Every structure is written in C-alpha cells, then in structure tokens.
C-alpha cells in the first residue's frame, strides 16, 4: 500500500516537471513584444543638427528641435511646451502633434530649428494614453551678439575733414588774435603798440 502511493506520487511529480519544462520552452520561443503606450524617449537638441550621441539630451539651448526615439511604429499623440518657473507662468507657448515612422522615431521640426524667448521651459510628450506623458525641462539662453565698435579718430573727437589748399594765405585767425590783443593794450594804455597790431598784415599774392 505504501509503495503504491509512493509510486503514484513520483509519477505525479514527473508530470508536473515535464509540464513546467514544456511551458518554459514554448514561452522562450515567442519573441517578447513591447507593450503599447509611451515606450519611447524624447530629447531636446540644440540647433538644427544632431550631434553624437544622438540620444543625448541638451537642456541648455539657443534654438532647438525635438527628437523622439524608441516608440512604437506609427505611434501618434500630442506634445506641448509650457513656460516654467522660475521665469515662466506655466502657460502653453508651443504645441503640436506627432506620428512616428516605422522605426518609432519622430523629429520636429523635420528640418531646421525653432526658438523661444530666453527662459525656463518644460516639454510634455503624450503617449497612446493620456496618462502616459514624458517630460523634459530646458533653458533657452542665446549668447549676446557681438557689437563691432565704430572707429574713433585719435583724441576722441569727431573725424576732421581737411580743407583743400586754394593757394591763398588765410590770415583770419591771426588777425582775429591780434585784434583781441590790441583792444587789451588800448584799455591798458599801450596805444602805440596797439596801433601796430591793428594795422592789417599784407597778404601774399600768388603769381602763376
């Protein structure tokens, strides 16, 4: 009686083991598939070009584009960008939709780049279900434009345009100075010397 029960138990154990082994073999032969949803990852890329490694995120940009990787083929959904504290008020500043290619990849814009005002932002990327949302925060900050200074002549004043020589000896500045000195001498009693200074200087005549 005891030996018969032991024999039946042994056969039962062997049957269980064989069944488990068969189930494991069948499951291993079926390829694992990613569950539908939002399996991909989204990255912010600076500028219009992609630098290696292409899946690297760049949270400091001037102009930028969005790149979605590793999603389901032909997955579609929506994305939007909000201005984010400390510089923003959480309002939506940019939005769009996407539809991945057969490899599960998508880029926006398809070529070139886009821009936003300097500040802090947050990207939201929606999957097949509304509760499956990926997000990235990033800063927009462009370097200041280089200003080329205007050349300044020596002495810091405005540029002086020379007057062409017309062949005559201009005595206006000299006579003006003599007149001022003569008036001073007259007031001081030097009348004779003032008369000499007030006498006009002879002008040189150019002969061709």
N, C-alpha and C. Protein backbone atom coordinates (compact mmCIF):
# COMPACT_ATOMS: atom_id res chain seq x y z
N UNK A 1 0.84 -1.20 0.00
CA UNK A 1 0.00 0.00 0.00
C UNK A 1 0.88 1.25 0.00
N UNK A 2 1.88 1.25 0.85
CA UNK A 2 2.78 2.41 0.93
C UNK A 2 3.60 2.56 -0.32
N UNK A 3 4.09 1.47 -0.88
CA UNK A 3 4.90 1.53 -2.09
C UNK A 3 4.08 2.00 -3.28
N UNK A 4 2.80 1.67 -3.34
CA UNK A 4 1.96 2.11 -4.45
C UNK A 4 1.72 3.61 -4.40
N UNK A 5 1.49 4.13 -3.20
CA UNK A 5 1.30 5.56 -3.07
C UNK A 5 2.56 6.34 -3.44
N UNK A 6 3.69 5.82 -3.04
CA UNK A 6 4.95 6.48 -3.38
C UNK A 6 5.17 6.48 -4.87
N UNK A 7 4.77 5.41 -5.56
CA UNK A 7 4.95 5.32 -7.00
C UNK A 7 4.06 6.35 -7.71
N UNK A 8 2.80 6.47 -7.20
CA UNK A 8 1.90 7.44 -7.82
C UNK A 8 2.40 8.88 -7.62
N UNK A 9 2.92 9.16 -6.42
CA UNK A 9 3.46 10.49 -6.16
C UNK A 9 4.65 10.81 -7.07
N UNK A 10 5.46 9.84 -7.31
CA UNK A 10 6.63 10.05 -8.17
C UNK A 10 6.19 10.37 -9.59
N UNK A 11 5.16 9.61 -10.06
CA UNK A 11 4.68 9.86 -11.42
C UNK A 11 4.04 11.27 -11.52
N UNK A 12 3.36 11.66 -10.45
CA UNK A 12 2.75 13.00 -10.45
C UNK A 12 3.81 14.09 -10.51
N UNK A 13 4.87 13.95 -9.73
CA UNK A 13 5.95 14.94 -9.74
C UNK A 13 6.61 15.03 -11.10
N UNK A 14 6.84 13.88 -11.72
CA UNK A 14 7.45 13.88 -13.03
C UNK A 14 6.55 14.59 -14.05
N UNK A 15 5.24 14.37 -13.92
CA UNK A 15 4.32 15.03 -14.84
C UNK A 15 4.35 16.54 -14.68
N UNK A 16 4.42 17.00 -13.40
CA UNK A 16 4.50 18.44 -13.16
C UNK A 16 5.77 19.03 -13.73
N UNK A 17 6.88 18.34 -13.52
CA UNK A 17 8.16 18.84 -14.02
C UNK A 17 8.18 18.92 -15.55
N UNK A 18 7.62 17.90 -16.20
CA UNK A 18 7.59 17.88 -17.66
C UNK A 18 6.70 19.02 -18.18
N UNK A 19 5.58 19.26 -17.50
CA UNK A 19 4.69 20.34 -17.92
C UNK A 19 5.35 21.71 -17.78
N UNK A 20 6.07 21.92 -16.67
CA UNK A 20 6.76 23.20 -16.49
C UNK A 20 7.84 23.40 -17.55
N UNK A 21 8.57 22.32 -17.85
CA UNK A 21 9.62 22.44 -18.86
C UNK A 21 9.04 22.75 -20.22
N UNK A 22 7.89 22.13 -20.56
CA UNK A 22 7.26 22.40 -21.86
C UNK A 22 6.78 23.84 -21.95
N UNK A 23 6.16 24.34 -20.87
CA UNK A 23 5.68 25.72 -20.86
C UNK A 23 6.81 26.71 -21.01
N UNK A 24 7.93 26.46 -20.33
CA UNK A 24 9.09 27.35 -20.42
C UNK A 24 9.65 27.37 -21.83
N UNK A 25 9.70 26.19 -22.49
CA UNK A 25 10.22 26.12 -23.85
C UNK A 25 9.34 26.87 -24.82
N UNK A 26 8.03 26.78 -24.65
CA UNK A 26 7.12 27.49 -25.55
C UNK A 26 7.22 29.00 -25.36
N UNK A 27 7.33 29.44 -24.10
CA UNK A 27 7.43 30.88 -23.85
C UNK A 27 8.73 31.45 -24.37
N UNK A 28 9.79 30.69 -24.33
CA UNK A 28 11.08 31.17 -24.82
C UNK A 28 11.09 31.30 -26.33
N UNK A 29 10.27 30.50 -27.02
CA UNK A 29 10.24 30.55 -28.48
C UNK A 29 9.43 31.71 -29.02
N UNK A 30 8.62 32.38 -28.18
CA UNK A 30 7.80 33.51 -28.61
C UNK A 30 8.56 34.80 -28.32
N UNK A 31 8.83 35.65 -29.31
CA UNK A 31 9.57 36.89 -29.05
C UNK A 31 8.77 37.82 -28.16
N UNK A 32 9.50 38.51 -27.26
CA UNK A 32 8.86 39.45 -26.36
C UNK A 32 8.55 40.74 -27.10
N UNK A 33 7.37 41.26 -26.95
CA UNK A 33 6.96 42.50 -27.61
C UNK A 33 6.76 43.58 -26.57
N UNK A 34 7.13 44.82 -26.93
CA UNK A 34 6.95 45.92 -26.01
C UNK A 34 5.46 46.23 -25.88
N UNK A 35 5.01 46.47 -24.67
CA UNK A 35 3.59 46.80 -24.51
C UNK A 35 3.29 48.14 -25.15
N UNK A 36 2.09 48.31 -25.71
CA UNK A 36 1.74 49.59 -26.31
C UNK A 36 1.66 50.67 -25.25
N UNK A 37 1.82 51.91 -25.68
CA UNK A 37 1.78 53.03 -24.73
C UNK A 37 2.75 54.10 -25.14
N UNK A 38 3.60 54.50 -24.22
CA UNK A 38 4.59 55.54 -24.48
C UNK A 38 5.95 54.97 -24.14
N UNK A 39 6.43 54.04 -24.98
CA UNK A 39 7.68 53.34 -24.70
C UNK A 39 8.91 54.17 -25.04
N UNK A 40 8.75 55.22 -25.83
CA UNK A 40 9.91 55.96 -26.32
C UNK A 40 10.46 56.95 -25.32
N UNK A 41 11.44 57.71 -25.80
CA UNK A 41 12.04 58.77 -25.01
C UNK A 41 12.18 60.00 -25.88
N UNK A 42 11.98 61.17 -25.32
CA UNK A 42 12.07 62.41 -26.08
C UNK A 42 13.27 63.21 -25.59
N UNK A 43 13.95 63.86 -26.53
CA UNK A 43 15.15 64.63 -26.22
C UNK A 43 15.05 66.04 -26.81
N UNK A 44 15.69 66.99 -26.12
CA UNK A 44 15.84 68.35 -26.62
C UNK A 44 17.23 68.45 -27.24
N UNK A 45 17.30 68.89 -28.49
CA UNK A 45 18.59 69.04 -29.17
C UNK A 45 18.82 70.50 -29.56
N UNK A 46 20.01 71.00 -29.27
CA UNK A 46 20.36 72.38 -29.57
C UNK A 46 20.58 72.55 -31.07
N UNK A 47 20.05 73.66 -31.62
CA UNK A 47 20.29 73.97 -33.02
C UNK A 47 19.50 73.11 -33.98
N UNK A 48 19.97 73.06 -35.23
CA UNK A 48 19.27 72.34 -36.30
C UNK A 48 19.87 70.98 -36.60
N UNK A 49 21.03 70.67 -36.01
CA UNK A 49 21.70 69.42 -36.33
C UNK A 49 21.77 68.52 -35.10
N UNK A 50 21.99 67.24 -35.35
CA UNK A 50 22.11 66.26 -34.27
C UNK A 50 23.58 65.91 -34.07
N UNK A 51 24.03 65.96 -32.84
CA UNK A 51 25.40 65.59 -32.52
C UNK A 51 25.41 64.25 -31.81
N UNK A 52 26.48 63.53 -31.96
CA UNK A 52 26.60 62.21 -31.33
C UNK A 52 27.01 62.35 -29.86
N UNK A 53 26.48 61.50 -28.98
CA UNK A 53 25.43 60.50 -29.27
C UNK A 53 24.09 61.17 -29.50
N UNK A 54 23.36 60.69 -30.50
CA UNK A 54 22.14 61.35 -30.93
C UNK A 54 21.05 61.32 -29.88
N UNK A 55 21.11 60.34 -28.95
CA UNK A 55 20.06 60.26 -27.93
C UNK A 55 20.41 61.06 -26.68
N UNK A 56 21.45 61.86 -26.75
CA UNK A 56 21.82 62.70 -25.61
C UNK A 56 20.89 63.90 -25.51
N UNK A 57 20.43 64.19 -24.31
CA UNK A 57 19.59 65.36 -24.09
C UNK A 57 20.46 66.60 -23.88
N UNK A 58 20.01 67.76 -24.39
CA UNK A 58 20.76 69.01 -24.25
C UNK A 58 19.83 70.05 -23.61
N UNK A 59 19.90 70.22 -22.31
CA UNK A 59 18.96 71.11 -21.61
C UNK A 59 19.29 72.59 -21.70
N UNK A 60 20.41 72.96 -22.30
CA UNK A 60 20.78 74.36 -22.49
C UNK A 60 20.84 74.63 -23.99
N UNK A 61 19.89 75.43 -24.52
CA UNK A 61 19.81 75.63 -25.96
C UNK A 61 19.63 77.11 -26.28
N UNK A 62 19.85 77.44 -27.56
CA UNK A 62 19.51 78.76 -28.09
C UNK A 62 18.32 78.57 -29.02
N UNK A 63 18.55 78.01 -30.20
CA UNK A 63 17.47 77.44 -31.00
C UNK A 63 17.49 75.94 -30.76
N UNK A 64 16.41 75.22 -31.11
CA UNK A 64 16.36 73.80 -30.77
C UNK A 64 15.37 73.05 -31.65
N UNK A 65 15.43 71.71 -31.58
CA UNK A 65 14.41 70.85 -32.17
C UNK A 65 14.15 69.68 -31.23
N UNK A 66 13.01 69.01 -31.40
CA UNK A 66 12.61 67.88 -30.56
C UNK A 66 12.84 66.58 -31.31
N UNK A 67 13.30 65.54 -30.58
CA UNK A 67 13.58 64.24 -31.21
C UNK A 67 13.03 63.14 -30.32
N UNK A 68 12.19 62.27 -30.91
CA UNK A 68 11.52 61.18 -30.21
C UNK A 68 12.09 59.86 -30.71
N UNK A 69 12.50 58.99 -29.77
CA UNK A 69 13.14 57.72 -30.13
C UNK A 69 12.44 56.54 -29.45
N UNK A 70 12.63 55.33 -30.05
CA UNK A 70 12.27 54.05 -29.43
C UNK A 70 10.78 53.91 -29.13
N UNK A 71 9.93 54.59 -29.87
CA UNK A 71 8.48 54.46 -29.67
C UNK A 71 7.95 53.29 -30.50
N UNK A 72 6.64 53.03 -30.39
CA UNK A 72 6.01 52.03 -31.25
C UNK A 72 5.94 52.56 -32.67
N UNK A 73 6.01 51.69 -33.67
CA UNK A 73 5.86 52.15 -35.06
C UNK A 73 4.51 52.83 -35.26
N UNK A 74 4.54 53.95 -35.95
CA UNK A 74 3.34 54.72 -36.28
C UNK A 74 2.55 55.14 -35.04
N UNK A 75 3.25 55.35 -33.95
CA UNK A 75 2.60 55.87 -32.74
C UNK A 75 2.29 57.35 -32.95
N UNK A 76 1.17 57.80 -32.47
CA UNK A 76 0.78 59.20 -32.63
C UNK A 76 0.33 59.77 -31.30
N UNK A 77 0.39 61.06 -31.20
CA UNK A 77 -0.02 61.73 -29.97
C UNK A 77 0.24 63.22 -30.06
N UNK A 78 0.20 63.87 -28.94
CA UNK A 78 0.38 65.32 -28.87
C UNK A 78 1.56 65.67 -27.98
N UNK A 79 2.08 66.87 -28.19
CA UNK A 79 3.13 67.39 -27.32
C UNK A 79 2.88 68.89 -27.13
N UNK A 80 3.39 69.45 -26.05
CA UNK A 80 3.26 70.88 -25.80
C UNK A 80 4.38 71.33 -24.87
N UNK A 81 4.68 72.61 -24.93
CA UNK A 81 5.74 73.21 -24.11
C UNK A 81 5.11 74.34 -23.30
N UNK A 82 5.39 74.34 -22.00
CA UNK A 82 4.90 75.39 -21.11
C UNK A 82 6.08 76.23 -20.61
N UNK A 83 5.87 77.51 -20.46
CA UNK A 83 6.86 78.34 -19.76
C UNK A 83 6.85 77.88 -18.30
N UNK A 84 8.02 77.78 -17.71
CA UNK A 84 8.12 77.11 -16.41
C UNK A 84 8.86 77.98 -15.40
N UNK A 85 8.43 77.94 -14.13
CA UNK A 85 9.15 78.70 -13.10
C UNK A 85 10.62 78.28 -13.04
N UNK A 86 11.53 79.19 -12.69
CA UNK A 86 11.26 80.48 -12.06
C UNK A 86 11.00 81.64 -13.02
N UNK A 87 11.11 81.40 -14.33
CA UNK A 87 10.93 82.52 -15.27
C UNK A 87 9.56 82.52 -15.92
N UNK A 88 8.82 81.40 -15.86
CA UNK A 88 7.54 81.30 -16.57
C UNK A 88 6.36 81.15 -15.65
N UNK A 89 5.15 81.18 -16.26
CA UNK A 89 3.90 81.10 -15.50
C UNK A 89 3.11 79.82 -15.83
N UNK A 90 3.76 78.82 -16.45
CA UNK A 90 3.15 77.52 -16.80
C UNK A 90 2.16 77.62 -17.97
N UNK A 91 2.15 78.71 -18.68
CA UNK A 91 1.27 78.82 -19.84
C UNK A 91 1.88 78.09 -21.03
N UNK A 92 1.02 77.56 -21.93
CA UNK A 92 1.48 76.85 -23.11
C UNK A 92 2.00 77.87 -24.13
N UNK A 93 3.23 77.68 -24.57
CA UNK A 93 3.85 78.62 -25.52
C UNK A 93 4.07 77.98 -26.90
N UNK A 94 3.98 76.64 -26.96
CA UNK A 94 4.21 75.94 -28.23
C UNK A 94 3.57 74.56 -28.11
N UNK A 95 2.96 74.06 -29.19
CA UNK A 95 2.32 72.74 -29.15
C UNK A 95 2.27 72.15 -30.54
N UNK A 96 1.99 70.84 -30.61
CA UNK A 96 1.91 70.16 -31.90
C UNK A 96 1.51 68.71 -31.71
N UNK A 97 1.58 67.95 -32.79
CA UNK A 97 1.28 66.52 -32.76
C UNK A 97 2.41 65.77 -33.44
N UNK A 98 2.43 64.45 -33.27
CA UNK A 98 3.49 63.63 -33.86
C UNK A 98 2.93 62.31 -34.35
N UNK A 99 3.66 61.71 -35.27
CA UNK A 99 3.33 60.38 -35.79
C UNK A 99 4.65 59.71 -36.16
N UNK A 100 5.06 58.70 -35.41
CA UNK A 100 6.38 58.11 -35.61
C UNK A 100 6.44 57.31 -36.91
N UNK A 101 7.66 57.13 -37.40
CA UNK A 101 7.88 56.35 -38.61
C UNK A 101 7.95 54.85 -38.28
N UNK A 102 8.22 53.98 -39.25
CA UNK A 102 8.26 52.53 -38.96
C UNK A 102 9.29 52.12 -37.92
N UNK A 103 10.29 52.98 -37.67
CA UNK A 103 11.29 52.66 -36.65
C UNK A 103 10.93 53.24 -35.29
N UNK A 104 9.79 53.92 -35.19
CA UNK A 104 9.39 54.51 -33.91
C UNK A 104 10.09 55.82 -33.61
N UNK A 105 10.48 56.57 -34.65
CA UNK A 105 11.22 57.82 -34.46
C UNK A 105 10.44 58.99 -35.05
N UNK A 106 10.63 60.16 -34.47
CA UNK A 106 9.97 61.38 -34.96
C UNK A 106 10.82 62.57 -34.58
N UNK A 107 10.85 63.57 -35.47
CA UNK A 107 11.59 64.81 -35.22
C UNK A 107 10.72 66.00 -35.57
N UNK A 108 10.78 67.05 -34.71
CA UNK A 108 10.07 68.29 -35.01
C UNK A 108 10.96 69.49 -34.66
N UNK A 109 11.06 70.49 -35.58
CA UNK A 109 10.59 70.41 -36.97
C UNK A 109 11.40 69.41 -37.78
N UNK A 110 10.85 69.00 -38.92
CA UNK A 110 11.51 67.96 -39.72
C UNK A 110 12.89 68.40 -40.16
N UNK A 111 13.08 69.69 -40.37
CA UNK A 111 14.40 70.25 -40.68
C UNK A 111 14.50 71.62 -40.04
N UNK A 112 15.72 72.05 -39.81
CA UNK A 112 15.92 73.35 -39.17
C UNK A 112 15.66 73.30 -37.68
N UNK A 113 15.30 74.42 -37.11
CA UNK A 113 15.09 74.52 -35.66
C UNK A 113 14.05 75.59 -35.37
N UNK A 114 13.66 75.69 -34.13
CA UNK A 114 12.72 76.72 -33.68
C UNK A 114 13.34 77.46 -32.50
N UNK A 115 12.67 78.52 -32.05
CA UNK A 115 13.24 79.31 -30.95
C UNK A 115 12.12 79.82 -30.05
N UNK A 116 12.49 80.15 -28.83
CA UNK A 116 11.59 80.76 -27.85
C UNK A 116 12.34 81.89 -27.16
N UNK A 117 11.60 82.74 -26.46
CA UNK A 117 12.25 83.79 -25.70
C UNK A 117 13.13 83.18 -24.61
N UNK A 118 14.19 83.86 -24.20
CA UNK A 118 15.04 83.33 -23.13
C UNK A 118 14.22 83.02 -21.88
N UNK A 119 14.51 81.87 -21.25
CA UNK A 119 13.78 81.49 -20.04
C UNK A 119 13.79 79.99 -19.82
N UNK A 120 13.01 79.55 -18.84
CA UNK A 120 12.91 78.15 -18.44
C UNK A 120 11.61 77.56 -18.98
N UNK A 121 11.67 76.31 -19.53
CA UNK A 121 10.52 75.69 -20.16
C UNK A 121 10.43 74.21 -19.79
N UNK A 122 9.22 73.64 -19.99
CA UNK A 122 9.02 72.21 -19.75
C UNK A 122 8.23 71.62 -20.91
N UNK A 123 8.79 70.54 -21.50
CA UNK A 123 8.15 69.83 -22.60
C UNK A 123 7.34 68.66 -22.07
N UNK A 124 6.11 68.51 -22.58
CA UNK A 124 5.24 67.37 -22.24
C UNK A 124 4.97 66.59 -23.53
N UNK A 125 5.18 65.25 -23.47
CA UNK A 125 5.03 64.41 -24.66
C UNK A 125 4.07 63.28 -24.31
N UNK A 126 2.91 63.30 -24.97
CA UNK A 126 1.84 62.37 -24.64
C UNK A 126 1.93 61.08 -25.46
N UNK A 127 1.71 59.93 -24.80
CA UNK A 127 1.73 58.65 -25.48
C UNK A 127 0.36 58.26 -26.01
N UNK A 128 0.14 56.94 -26.19
CA UNK A 128 -1.14 56.47 -26.69
C UNK A 128 -2.26 56.68 -25.68
N UNK A 129 -1.92 56.77 -24.43
CA UNK A 129 -2.90 57.02 -23.39
C UNK A 129 -2.57 58.35 -22.71
N UNK A 130 -3.61 59.07 -22.31
CA UNK A 130 -3.39 60.41 -21.81
C UNK A 130 -2.59 60.46 -20.51
N UNK A 131 -2.56 59.34 -19.77
CA UNK A 131 -1.82 59.36 -18.51
C UNK A 131 -0.37 58.95 -18.68
N UNK A 132 0.03 58.63 -19.91
CA UNK A 132 1.42 58.25 -20.17
C UNK A 132 2.13 59.42 -20.83
N UNK A 133 2.65 60.31 -20.01
CA UNK A 133 3.27 61.54 -20.51
C UNK A 133 4.72 61.59 -20.07
N UNK A 134 5.59 61.84 -21.02
CA UNK A 134 7.01 62.07 -20.72
C UNK A 134 7.27 63.57 -20.73
N UNK A 135 8.30 64.00 -20.02
CA UNK A 135 8.57 65.43 -19.97
C UNK A 135 10.06 65.69 -19.84
N UNK A 136 10.45 66.88 -20.26
CA UNK A 136 11.82 67.35 -20.17
C UNK A 136 11.79 68.84 -19.85
N UNK A 137 12.68 69.30 -18.96
CA UNK A 137 12.83 70.72 -18.69
C UNK A 137 14.10 71.21 -19.37
N UNK A 138 14.08 72.46 -19.82
CA UNK A 138 15.25 73.00 -20.50
C UNK A 138 15.25 74.52 -20.40
N UNK A 139 16.41 75.11 -20.66
CA UNK A 139 16.61 76.57 -20.65
C UNK A 139 16.92 77.04 -22.06
N UNK A 140 16.35 78.18 -22.41
CA UNK A 140 16.70 78.87 -23.66
C UNK A 140 17.51 80.09 -23.29
N UNK A 141 18.72 80.16 -23.80
CA UNK A 141 19.63 81.27 -23.46
C UNK A 141 20.64 81.42 -24.59
N UNK A 142 20.49 82.46 -25.38
CA UNK A 142 21.40 82.69 -26.50
C UNK A 142 22.52 83.63 -26.09
N UNK A 143 23.73 83.40 -26.57
CA UNK A 143 24.84 84.32 -26.24
C UNK A 143 24.58 85.68 -26.85
N UNK A 144 25.05 86.76 -26.21
CA UNK A 144 24.82 88.11 -26.75
C UNK A 144 25.53 88.29 -28.08
N UNK A 145 24.90 89.07 -28.96
CA UNK A 145 25.51 89.34 -30.26
C UNK A 145 26.72 90.25 -30.09
N UNK A 146 27.74 89.96 -30.87
CA UNK A 146 28.97 90.77 -30.81
C UNK A 146 28.75 92.09 -31.52
N UNK A 147 29.03 93.18 -30.83
CA UNK A 147 28.88 94.53 -31.40
C UNK A 147 30.23 95.03 -31.86
N UNK A 148 30.32 95.38 -33.15
CA UNK A 148 31.58 95.90 -33.71
C UNK A 148 31.64 97.41 -33.45
N UNK A 149 32.62 97.90 -32.68
CA UNK A 149 32.68 99.34 -32.38
C UNK A 149 33.01 100.18 -33.61
N UNK A 150 32.48 101.42 -33.65
CA UNK A 150 32.78 102.35 -34.72
C UNK A 150 34.15 102.99 -34.47
N UNK A 151 35.04 102.98 -35.47
CA UNK A 151 36.37 103.57 -35.26
C UNK A 151 36.27 105.04 -34.86
N UNK A 152 37.05 105.47 -33.88
CA UNK A 152 37.09 106.85 -33.40
C UNK A 152 38.48 107.42 -33.68
N UNK A 153 38.59 108.63 -34.27
CA UNK A 153 39.91 109.21 -34.55
C UNK A 153 40.66 109.51 -33.26
N UNK A 154 41.98 109.64 -33.32
CA UNK A 154 42.76 109.96 -32.11
C UNK A 154 42.29 111.24 -31.46
N UNK A 155 42.24 111.25 -30.14
CA UNK A 155 41.79 112.41 -29.40
C UNK A 155 40.35 112.32 -28.97
N UNK A 156 39.63 111.35 -29.49
CA UNK A 156 38.27 111.12 -29.06
C UNK A 156 37.25 112.00 -29.70
N UNK A 157 37.63 112.93 -30.59
CA UNK A 157 36.66 113.82 -31.21
C UNK A 157 36.14 113.25 -32.51
N UNK A 158 35.32 114.06 -33.18
CA UNK A 158 34.78 113.63 -34.46
C UNK A 158 35.88 113.70 -35.52
N UNK A 159 35.69 112.92 -36.55
CA UNK A 159 36.67 112.91 -37.63
C UNK A 159 36.72 114.29 -38.30
N UNK A 160 37.93 114.77 -38.59
CA UNK A 160 38.13 116.09 -39.18
C UNK A 160 38.40 115.95 -40.66
N UNK A 161 37.61 116.66 -41.46
CA UNK A 161 37.81 116.63 -42.91
C UNK A 161 38.72 117.78 -43.30
N UNK A 162 39.89 117.50 -43.88
CA UNK A 162 40.83 118.58 -44.23
C UNK A 162 40.27 119.44 -45.36
N UNK A 163 40.56 120.75 -45.30
CA UNK A 163 40.13 121.69 -46.35
C UNK A 163 41.23 121.80 -47.40
N UNK A 164 40.89 121.62 -48.67
CA UNK A 164 41.93 121.68 -49.72
C UNK A 164 42.57 123.07 -49.76
N UNK A 165 43.85 123.14 -50.06
CA UNK A 165 44.59 124.39 -50.16
C UNK A 165 44.22 125.10 -51.46
N UNK A 166 43.80 126.39 -51.36
CA UNK A 166 43.36 127.12 -52.55
C UNK A 166 44.39 128.14 -53.05
N UNK A 167 45.56 128.10 -52.46
CA UNK A 167 46.63 128.98 -52.93
C UNK A 167 46.73 130.29 -52.20
N UNK A 168 45.84 130.59 -51.27
CA UNK A 168 45.90 131.87 -50.54
C UNK A 168 46.26 131.62 -49.10
N UNK A 169 46.86 132.65 -48.50
CA UNK A 169 47.26 132.56 -47.10
C UNK A 169 46.17 133.17 -46.24
N UNK A 170 45.39 132.32 -45.54
CA UNK A 170 44.28 132.80 -44.73
C UNK A 170 44.83 133.39 -43.43
N UNK A 171 44.57 134.72 -43.25
CA UNK A 171 45.08 135.41 -42.08
C UNK A 171 43.98 135.68 -41.07
N UNK A 172 42.79 135.05 -41.25
CA UNK A 172 41.66 135.42 -40.41
C UNK A 172 41.92 135.08 -38.95
N UNK A 173 42.46 133.90 -38.71
CA UNK A 173 42.68 133.52 -37.32
C UNK A 173 43.76 134.37 -36.69
N UNK A 174 44.79 134.74 -37.51
CA UNK A 174 45.89 135.52 -36.97
C UNK A 174 45.42 136.95 -36.68
N UNK A 175 44.65 137.54 -37.61
CA UNK A 175 44.22 138.91 -37.40
C UNK A 175 43.22 138.99 -36.26
N UNK A 176 42.41 137.94 -36.12
CA UNK A 176 41.48 137.95 -35.01
C UNK A 176 42.19 137.95 -33.69
N UNK A 177 43.27 137.20 -33.59
CA UNK A 177 44.04 137.17 -32.35
C UNK A 177 44.70 138.49 -32.08
N UNK A 178 45.23 139.17 -33.15
CA UNK A 178 45.86 140.47 -32.98
C UNK A 178 44.86 141.53 -32.52
N UNK A 179 43.64 141.45 -33.04
CA UNK A 179 42.62 142.44 -32.66
C UNK A 179 42.31 142.34 -31.18
N UNK A 180 42.18 141.13 -30.70
CA UNK A 180 41.90 140.93 -29.27
C UNK A 180 43.02 141.49 -28.41
N UNK A 181 44.29 141.24 -28.81
CA UNK A 181 45.42 141.74 -28.04
C UNK A 181 45.48 143.26 -28.11
N UNK A 182 45.18 143.86 -29.25
CA UNK A 182 45.23 145.31 -29.39
C UNK A 182 44.21 145.99 -28.50
N UNK A 183 43.00 145.44 -28.42
CA UNK A 183 41.98 146.02 -27.55
C UNK A 183 42.43 145.98 -26.11
N UNK A 184 43.09 144.89 -25.74
CA UNK A 184 43.57 144.79 -24.36
C UNK A 184 44.62 145.85 -24.09
N UNK A 185 45.50 146.12 -25.05
CA UNK A 185 46.55 147.11 -24.87
C UNK A 185 45.97 148.53 -24.81
N UNK A 186 44.93 148.79 -25.61
CA UNK A 186 44.30 150.10 -25.58
C UNK A 186 43.69 150.40 -24.23
N UNK A 187 43.02 149.38 -23.71
CA UNK A 187 42.42 149.56 -22.40
C UNK A 187 43.49 149.74 -21.32
N UNK A 188 44.67 149.19 -21.57
CA UNK A 188 45.73 149.29 -20.58
C UNK A 188 46.67 150.46 -20.81
N UNK A 189 46.45 151.26 -21.87
CA UNK A 189 47.28 152.41 -22.12
C UNK A 189 48.36 152.20 -23.14
N UNK A 190 48.50 151.09 -23.75
CA UNK A 190 49.55 150.86 -24.75
C UNK A 190 49.05 151.19 -26.13
N UNK A 191 48.78 152.45 -26.42
CA UNK A 191 48.14 152.84 -27.67
C UNK A 191 49.05 152.67 -28.86
N UNK A 192 50.34 152.96 -28.70
CA UNK A 192 51.25 152.87 -29.85
C UNK A 192 51.40 151.43 -30.30
N UNK A 193 51.59 150.56 -29.37
CA UNK A 193 51.77 149.15 -29.74
C UNK A 193 50.47 148.57 -30.27
N UNK A 194 49.35 149.06 -29.75
CA UNK A 194 48.06 148.57 -30.24
C UNK A 194 47.85 149.00 -31.67
N UNK A 195 48.32 150.22 -32.05
CA UNK A 195 48.18 150.67 -33.42
C UNK A 195 48.92 149.77 -34.38
N UNK A 196 50.12 149.34 -33.95
CA UNK A 196 50.90 148.43 -34.80
C UNK A 196 50.16 147.12 -35.00
N UNK A 197 49.55 146.59 -33.92
CA UNK A 197 48.85 145.30 -34.02
C UNK A 197 47.60 145.41 -34.86
N UNK A 198 46.94 146.60 -34.81
CA UNK A 198 45.70 146.75 -35.57
C UNK A 198 45.96 146.97 -37.04
N UNK A 199 47.18 147.35 -37.42
CA UNK A 199 47.49 147.58 -38.82
C UNK A 199 47.39 146.26 -39.58
N UNK A 200 46.68 146.22 -40.66
CA UNK A 200 46.49 144.94 -41.39
C UNK A 200 47.80 144.40 -41.92
N UNK A 201 47.91 143.10 -41.90
CA UNK A 201 49.08 142.43 -42.45
C UNK A 201 48.95 142.35 -43.95
N UNK A 202 50.04 142.51 -44.64
CA UNK A 202 49.95 142.39 -46.11
C UNK A 202 49.70 140.94 -46.49
N UNK A 203 48.84 140.74 -47.45
CA UNK A 203 48.54 139.39 -47.93
C UNK A 203 49.51 139.04 -49.06
N UNK A 204 49.94 137.86 -49.05
CA UNK A 204 50.83 137.39 -50.13
C UNK A 204 49.99 137.09 -51.35
N UNK A 205 50.47 137.52 -52.49
CA UNK A 205 49.75 137.31 -53.73
C UNK A 205 50.46 136.24 -54.50
N UNK A 206 49.69 135.24 -54.90
CA UNK A 206 50.28 134.12 -55.63
C UNK A 206 50.34 134.49 -57.12
N UNK A 207 51.47 134.33 -57.69
CA UNK A 207 51.65 134.62 -59.12
C UNK A 207 51.89 133.33 -59.86
N UNK A 208 51.12 133.12 -60.86
CA UNK A 208 51.27 131.89 -61.66
C UNK A 208 52.29 132.12 -62.78
